[in-house]
Amino acid sequence: MEGIPIAVVEQETGLSKDVLRKWEARYNYPLPTRNLHGDRVYSRDQVTHLRAVKRLMEKGYRPSRLLSMSLDELAELTASTTATQSSDQAASAVSELLGLLQGHELIKFRAALKRLLQSQGLKQFVQDTVAPLATMVGEAWSEGKIHVFEEHLFSDIAASTLRQALEAIDLPEGNPRIILTTVPGEGHALGLLMAACLFTLKGAHCIYLGTETPSEDIVLAAQAHGAHAVALSFSSAFPVRQIQPALLDLRSRLDQEIEILAGGVGITRQKKTKGILLLPDLASIDQYIPNQGA
C-alpha cells in the first residue's frame, strides 16, 4: 500500500516517531495503515493535519484538544490566534512609541512611526497604530503624564507622516469626491488625516481644506470641486452642545445631494439627524457607501 513513511512524517511535521505512536494509542489519531512490510504509513491529509496541529502546539494549545478538530477548524483557530498576536504586537508598539514621546526622543519616535508604516501598510498603520496612540496620548495628557507641548509634537509628527503617505499613493482622481475639514473652533487635524487615508484607499478623491473652515467657504469648495460629500471631524475638545447646530447650519447651506459625514470622538453621543451620516469610528469608513448622484 502507498503512503508516507513515519520517518518522513517526522521530518515534515517536526513530531517524533514516539509522539506519533503515543498519540495513536492515547487519542486514536493519527491512524496509519501498513505497507507490505508492515510499517506504518500515513496519508497526505493526515500529514497536513499533523503539521497544523504542531504549529498550534507551539502557540500553547494542547494536543488533546487539537487532534479532535477538523482541518478547517484548525485553520480558523490559527487565523484567530495570529490576529490576537498581531493585536498584542501592535499594542506593544504603541506603548513603546508613547515612551519615546515622553522621553523626548523625537528622532527615534519619527523613525519608529515610519518603520511601522512600512511594515503594516497604511490602513493597518492608521487603525492599529495612529488611532490608538492618539487615544493613549490624550489619556496621558488628561492624567498629567504628558504636557501640552508633547501632545502638539505628537500630532505634528503623526500628521506629517500621514501626509507623506497620502502623497505617495499614486491614484487617479476617483469618486466619490470628498471635502475634508473642520468647523471654526475645531483645530484638531489628525482625525481628518486618518479619515482621508482610509477614504483614499477606498478609491475616493479627497480634497483636504485643513481646519476651521467657515460654512460658506465649505459650500463654495463643495460646489467648485463637484463634491459628493463633506466630511467633518469633531474631537473631544470641541464643545458637544455646539456640534449639532454646526451640522444643521451646514446642512441648510449645502445642496441636499451632497452628503455630510461627521466623525470623531465628539460625535459619539450625537443623535441621528436626517441628512447627516455619523461615522462613529474609523472602521465605519469601510462600510460607507457614497451617494454619487451629485
Protein backbone atom coordinates (compact mmCIF):
# COMPACT_ATOMS: atom_id res chain seq x y z
CA MET A 1 0.00 0.00 0.00
CA GLU A 2 1.23 3.51 -0.82
CA GLY A 3 1.62 6.09 1.92
CA ILE A 4 4.09 8.35 3.68
CA PRO A 5 6.52 6.51 5.99
CA ILE A 6 6.69 7.55 9.61
CA ALA A 7 10.28 8.77 9.20
CA VAL A 8 9.16 11.22 6.51
CA VAL A 9 6.19 12.33 8.62
CA GLU A 10 8.62 13.04 11.45
CA GLN A 11 10.69 15.26 9.15
CA GLU A 12 7.70 17.10 7.63
CA THR A 13 5.82 17.80 10.85
CA GLY A 14 8.54 18.02 13.49
CA LEU A 15 6.68 15.39 15.54
CA SER A 16 8.84 12.50 16.69
CA LYS A 17 8.01 8.86 15.95
CA ASP A 18 7.50 8.25 19.68
CA VAL A 19 4.95 11.10 19.87
CA LEU A 20 3.06 9.81 16.82
CA ARG A 21 2.86 6.31 18.29
CA LYS A 22 1.82 7.69 21.69
CA TRP A 23 -0.99 9.77 20.14
CA GLU A 24 -2.17 6.76 18.16
CA ALA A 25 -2.50 4.79 21.39
CA ARG A 26 -3.90 7.57 23.57
CA TYR A 27 -6.09 9.59 21.18
CA ASN A 28 -6.72 7.06 18.42
CA TYR A 29 -5.17 9.57 15.98
CA PRO A 30 -3.42 9.58 13.64
CA LEU A 31 -4.42 6.13 12.40
CA PRO A 32 -1.83 4.89 9.93
CA THR A 33 -2.18 1.98 7.58
CA ARG A 34 0.57 -0.57 7.00
CA ASN A 35 2.65 -1.14 3.89
CA LEU A 36 3.68 -4.52 2.53
CA HIS A 37 6.48 -4.65 5.08
CA GLY A 38 4.14 -3.97 7.98
CA ASP A 39 5.48 -0.47 8.62
CA ARG A 40 3.26 2.49 9.47
CA VAL A 41 2.36 4.81 6.56
CA TYR A 42 0.25 7.96 6.66
CA SER A 43 -1.96 9.72 4.16
CA ARG A 44 -1.11 13.20 2.87
CA ASP A 45 -4.26 14.58 4.57
CA GLN A 46 -3.06 13.26 7.89
CA VAL A 47 0.36 14.86 7.43
CA THR A 48 -1.26 18.21 6.57
CA HIS A 49 -3.45 17.90 9.67
CA LEU A 50 -0.50 16.99 11.89
CA ARG A 51 1.52 19.95 10.59
CA ALA A 52 -1.33 22.31 11.56
CA VAL A 53 -1.54 20.66 14.99
CA LYS A 54 2.20 21.12 15.53
CA ARG A 55 2.04 24.84 14.65
CA LEU A 56 -0.75 25.42 17.16
CA MET A 57 1.03 23.40 19.85
CA GLU A 58 3.92 25.84 19.50
CA LYS A 59 1.45 28.60 20.35
CA GLY A 60 0.48 26.83 23.59
CA TYR A 61 -2.53 24.64 22.66
CA ARG A 62 -2.79 21.07 23.97
CA PRO A 63 -2.83 18.12 21.54
CA SER A 64 -5.84 16.55 23.26
CA ARG A 65 -7.94 19.47 22.00
CA LEU A 66 -6.32 19.87 18.60
CA LEU A 67 -6.39 16.26 17.43
CA SER A 68 -10.18 16.13 17.56
CA MET A 69 -10.55 19.23 15.36
CA SER A 70 -11.02 19.22 11.60
CA LEU A 71 -8.52 20.90 9.31
CA ASP A 72 -10.97 23.78 8.74
CA GLU A 73 -11.36 24.26 12.49
CA LEU A 74 -7.58 24.26 12.92
CA ALA A 75 -7.29 26.89 10.19
CA GLU A 76 -9.85 29.12 11.95
CA LEU A 77 -8.03 28.74 15.25
CA THR A 78 -4.71 29.57 13.57
CA ALA A 79 -6.20 32.70 11.99
CA SER A 80 -7.72 33.95 15.26
CA THR A 81 -4.50 33.23 17.16
CA THR A 82 -2.44 35.09 14.57
CA ALA A 83 -4.82 38.07 14.72
CA THR A 84 -4.57 38.15 18.52
CA GLN A 85 -0.78 38.04 18.39
CA SER A 86 -0.73 40.82 15.79
CA SER A 87 -3.00 42.90 18.02
CA ASP A 88 -0.72 42.29 21.01
CA GLN A 89 2.33 43.29 18.97
CA ALA A 90 0.58 46.47 17.80
CA ALA A 91 -0.36 47.36 21.40
CA SER A 92 3.24 46.82 22.47
CA ALA A 93 4.49 49.06 19.64
CA VAL A 94 2.05 51.83 20.66
CA SER A 95 3.29 51.70 24.26
CA GLU A 96 6.89 51.94 23.06
CA LEU A 97 6.00 54.96 20.91
CA LEU A 98 4.44 56.72 23.89
CA GLY A 99 7.61 56.03 25.88
CA LEU A 100 9.73 57.62 23.14
CA LEU A 101 7.46 60.67 23.13
CA GLN A 102 7.64 61.01 26.91
CA GLY A 103 11.41 60.57 26.76
CA HIS A 104 11.66 63.39 24.21
CA GLU A 105 13.40 61.08 21.73
CA LEU A 106 11.73 62.65 18.71
CA ILE A 107 14.16 61.33 16.08
CA LYS A 108 13.57 57.78 17.29
CA PHE A 109 9.84 58.44 17.54
CA ARG A 110 9.62 59.67 13.95
CA ALA A 111 11.77 56.78 12.68
CA ALA A 112 9.67 54.23 14.58
CA LEU A 113 6.48 55.61 13.03
CA LYS A 114 7.96 55.31 9.54
CA ARG A 115 9.10 51.73 10.18
CA LEU A 116 5.63 50.76 11.37
CA LEU A 117 4.05 52.42 8.33
CA GLN A 118 6.29 50.39 6.03
CA SER A 119 5.71 47.11 7.84
CA GLN A 120 1.96 47.47 8.47
CA GLY A 121 0.76 49.25 5.36
CA LEU A 122 -1.23 52.47 5.51
CA LYS A 123 -4.62 51.05 6.54
CA GLN A 124 -3.30 48.98 9.44
CA PHE A 125 -0.94 51.80 10.42
CA VAL A 126 -3.88 54.20 10.75
CA GLN A 127 -6.17 51.78 12.57
CA ASP A 128 -3.70 49.88 14.77
CA THR A 129 -1.01 52.47 15.46
CA VAL A 130 -2.00 56.12 14.94
CA ALA A 131 -5.59 55.87 16.25
CA PRO A 132 -4.80 54.01 19.50
CA LEU A 133 -1.68 56.12 20.03
CA ALA A 134 -3.78 59.29 19.71
CA THR A 135 -6.17 57.91 22.33
CA MET A 136 -3.28 56.97 24.62
CA VAL A 137 -1.67 60.40 24.24
CA GLY A 138 -4.99 62.09 25.04
CA GLU A 139 -5.45 59.96 28.16
CA ALA A 140 -1.86 60.62 29.26
CA TRP A 141 -2.41 64.37 28.85
CA SER A 142 -5.68 64.31 30.85
CA GLU A 143 -3.88 62.40 33.63
CA GLY A 144 -1.00 64.87 33.70
CA LYS A 145 1.55 62.36 32.41
CA ILE A 146 2.50 64.45 29.39
CA HIS A 147 2.46 68.18 28.71
CA VAL A 148 0.57 70.13 26.07
CA PHE A 149 3.74 70.67 24.03
CA GLU A 150 4.29 66.91 23.89
CA GLU A 151 0.75 66.35 22.65
CA HIS A 152 1.35 69.01 19.98
CA LEU A 153 4.62 67.36 18.93
CA PHE A 154 2.86 64.01 18.59
CA SER A 155 0.08 65.49 16.49
CA ASP A 156 2.53 67.32 14.23
CA ILE A 157 4.78 64.31 13.61
CA ALA A 158 1.87 61.89 13.12
CA ALA A 159 0.13 64.31 10.76
CA SER A 160 3.32 64.83 8.77
CA THR A 161 3.78 61.07 8.45
CA LEU A 162 0.21 60.61 7.20
CA ARG A 163 0.52 63.49 4.70
CA GLN A 164 3.66 61.93 3.22
CA ALA A 165 1.91 58.56 2.98
CA LEU A 166 -1.05 60.17 1.20
CA GLU A 167 1.23 61.92 -1.28
CA ALA A 168 2.87 58.59 -2.09
CA ILE A 169 -0.42 56.98 -3.15
CA ASP A 170 -0.42 57.17 -6.92
CA LEU A 171 -4.14 57.02 -7.63
CA PRO A 172 -6.07 58.76 -10.41
CA GLU A 173 -8.85 61.12 -9.38
CA GLY A 174 -11.70 58.85 -8.32
CA ASN A 175 -15.19 59.02 -6.94
CA PRO A 176 -16.65 59.98 -4.60
CA ARG A 177 -15.05 63.41 -4.24
CA ILE A 178 -14.95 64.25 -0.54
CA ILE A 179 -14.21 67.62 1.07
CA LEU A 180 -12.49 67.15 4.46
CA THR A 181 -12.29 69.93 7.04
CA THR A 182 -13.44 71.08 10.47
CA VAL A 183 -15.75 73.88 11.54
CA PRO A 184 -14.46 77.07 13.22
CA GLY A 185 -13.29 76.32 16.76
CA GLU A 186 -12.13 72.78 15.92
CA GLY A 187 -8.39 72.91 15.35
CA HIS A 188 -7.55 69.21 15.54
CA ALA A 189 -6.50 67.82 12.16
CA LEU A 190 -5.22 64.32 12.93
CA GLY A 191 -8.64 62.64 12.78
CA LEU A 192 -9.28 64.23 9.40
CA LEU A 193 -5.99 62.95 8.00
CA MET A 194 -6.67 59.43 9.27
CA ALA A 195 -10.06 59.51 7.58
CA ALA A 196 -8.50 60.90 4.39
CA CYS A 197 -6.09 57.97 4.29
CA LEU A 198 -8.86 55.40 4.61
CA PHE A 199 -11.16 57.16 2.14
CA THR A 200 -8.31 57.40 -0.37
CA LEU A 201 -7.51 53.70 0.00
CA LYS A 202 -11.15 53.02 -0.89
CA GLY A 203 -10.62 54.93 -4.13
CA ALA A 204 -12.13 58.28 -3.13
CA HIS A 205 -10.68 61.61 -4.23
CA CYS A 206 -10.15 63.63 -1.06
CA ILE A 207 -9.89 67.44 -1.05
CA TYR A 208 -8.35 68.45 2.27
CA LEU A 209 -9.09 72.04 3.32
CA GLY A 210 -7.32 71.95 6.66
CA THR A 211 -9.11 73.02 9.83
CA GLU A 212 -11.60 75.70 10.91
CA THR A 213 -13.25 76.45 7.58
CA PRO A 214 -16.33 78.70 7.73
CA SER A 215 -19.56 77.14 6.45
CA GLU A 216 -19.84 79.49 3.49
CA ASP A 217 -16.36 78.50 2.31
CA ILE A 218 -17.12 74.80 2.73
CA VAL A 219 -20.12 75.31 0.47
CA LEU A 220 -18.04 77.15 -2.13
CA ALA A 221 -15.38 74.40 -2.08
CA ALA A 222 -18.00 71.67 -2.45
CA GLN A 223 -19.51 73.44 -5.43
CA ALA A 224 -16.15 74.20 -7.06
CA HIS A 225 -14.97 70.60 -6.83
CA GLY A 226 -18.28 68.90 -7.57
CA ALA A 227 -18.13 67.16 -4.20
CA HIS A 228 -20.30 64.16 -3.38
CA ALA A 229 -19.73 64.57 0.36
CA VAL A 230 -18.31 66.83 3.06
CA ALA A 231 -16.55 65.08 5.96
CA LEU A 232 -16.19 66.89 9.28
CA SER A 233 -14.25 65.78 12.34
CA PHE A 234 -15.08 66.67 15.94
CA SER A 235 -12.58 65.95 18.69
CA SER A 236 -13.33 65.52 22.38
CA ALA A 237 -12.11 69.10 22.91
CA PHE A 238 -14.92 70.59 20.82
CA PRO A 239 -18.00 71.62 22.87
CA VAL A 240 -20.62 68.89 22.45
CA ARG A 241 -23.52 71.34 22.56
CA GLN A 242 -22.14 73.16 19.50
CA ILE A 243 -21.86 70.11 17.26
CA GLN A 244 -25.47 69.71 16.18
CA PRO A 245 -26.02 73.43 15.47
CA ALA A 246 -22.86 73.45 13.33
CA LEU A 247 -24.01 70.39 11.40
CA LEU A 248 -27.53 71.72 10.90
CA ASP A 249 -26.18 75.07 9.73
CA LEU A 250 -24.02 73.42 7.10
CA ARG A 251 -26.85 71.11 6.09
CA SER A 252 -29.09 74.09 5.43
CA ARG A 253 -26.47 75.67 3.16
CA LEU A 254 -25.38 72.63 1.12
CA ASP A 255 -27.24 71.07 -1.78
CA GLN A 256 -29.25 68.11 -0.50
CA GLU A 257 -27.43 65.76 -2.90
CA ILE A 258 -24.15 66.42 -1.07
CA GLU A 259 -23.79 64.15 1.94
CA ILE A 260 -22.47 65.37 5.28
CA LEU A 261 -20.29 62.88 7.14
CA ALA A 262 -19.46 63.55 10.79
CA GLY A 263 -16.83 61.60 12.69
CA GLY A 264 -14.53 61.78 15.68
CA VAL A 265 -14.82 61.21 19.40
CA GLY A 266 -17.08 64.23 19.76
CA ILE A 267 -20.00 62.72 17.85
CA THR A 268 -20.32 59.53 19.89
CA ARG A 269 -23.34 60.89 21.80
CA GLN A 270 -24.96 62.72 18.92
CA LYS A 271 -28.45 61.78 17.84
CA LYS A 272 -29.11 60.66 14.30
CA THR A 273 -30.18 63.60 12.17
CA LYS A 274 -31.73 63.45 8.73
CA GLY A 275 -29.23 64.31 6.02
CA ILE A 276 -26.20 63.75 8.26
CA LEU A 277 -24.35 60.42 8.39
CA LEU A 278 -22.49 59.70 11.63
CA LEU A 279 -19.28 57.67 11.35
CA PRO A 280 -18.50 56.84 14.99
CA ASP A 281 -15.15 55.17 14.31
CA LEU A 282 -12.60 54.59 11.56
CA ALA A 283 -13.99 51.13 10.85
CA SER A 284 -17.25 52.80 9.76
CA ILE A 285 -15.43 54.18 6.74
CA ASP A 286 -15.15 50.65 5.33
CA GLN A 287 -18.94 50.34 5.40
CA TYR A 288 -19.57 53.79 3.93
CA ILE A 289 -21.42 53.62 0.61
CA PRO A 290 -21.37 57.06 -1.01
CA ASN A 291 -24.17 58.79 -2.79
CA GLN A 292 -22.64 59.71 -6.17
CA GLY A 293 -25.66 61.37 -7.63
CA ALA A 294 -24.25 64.86 -7.24
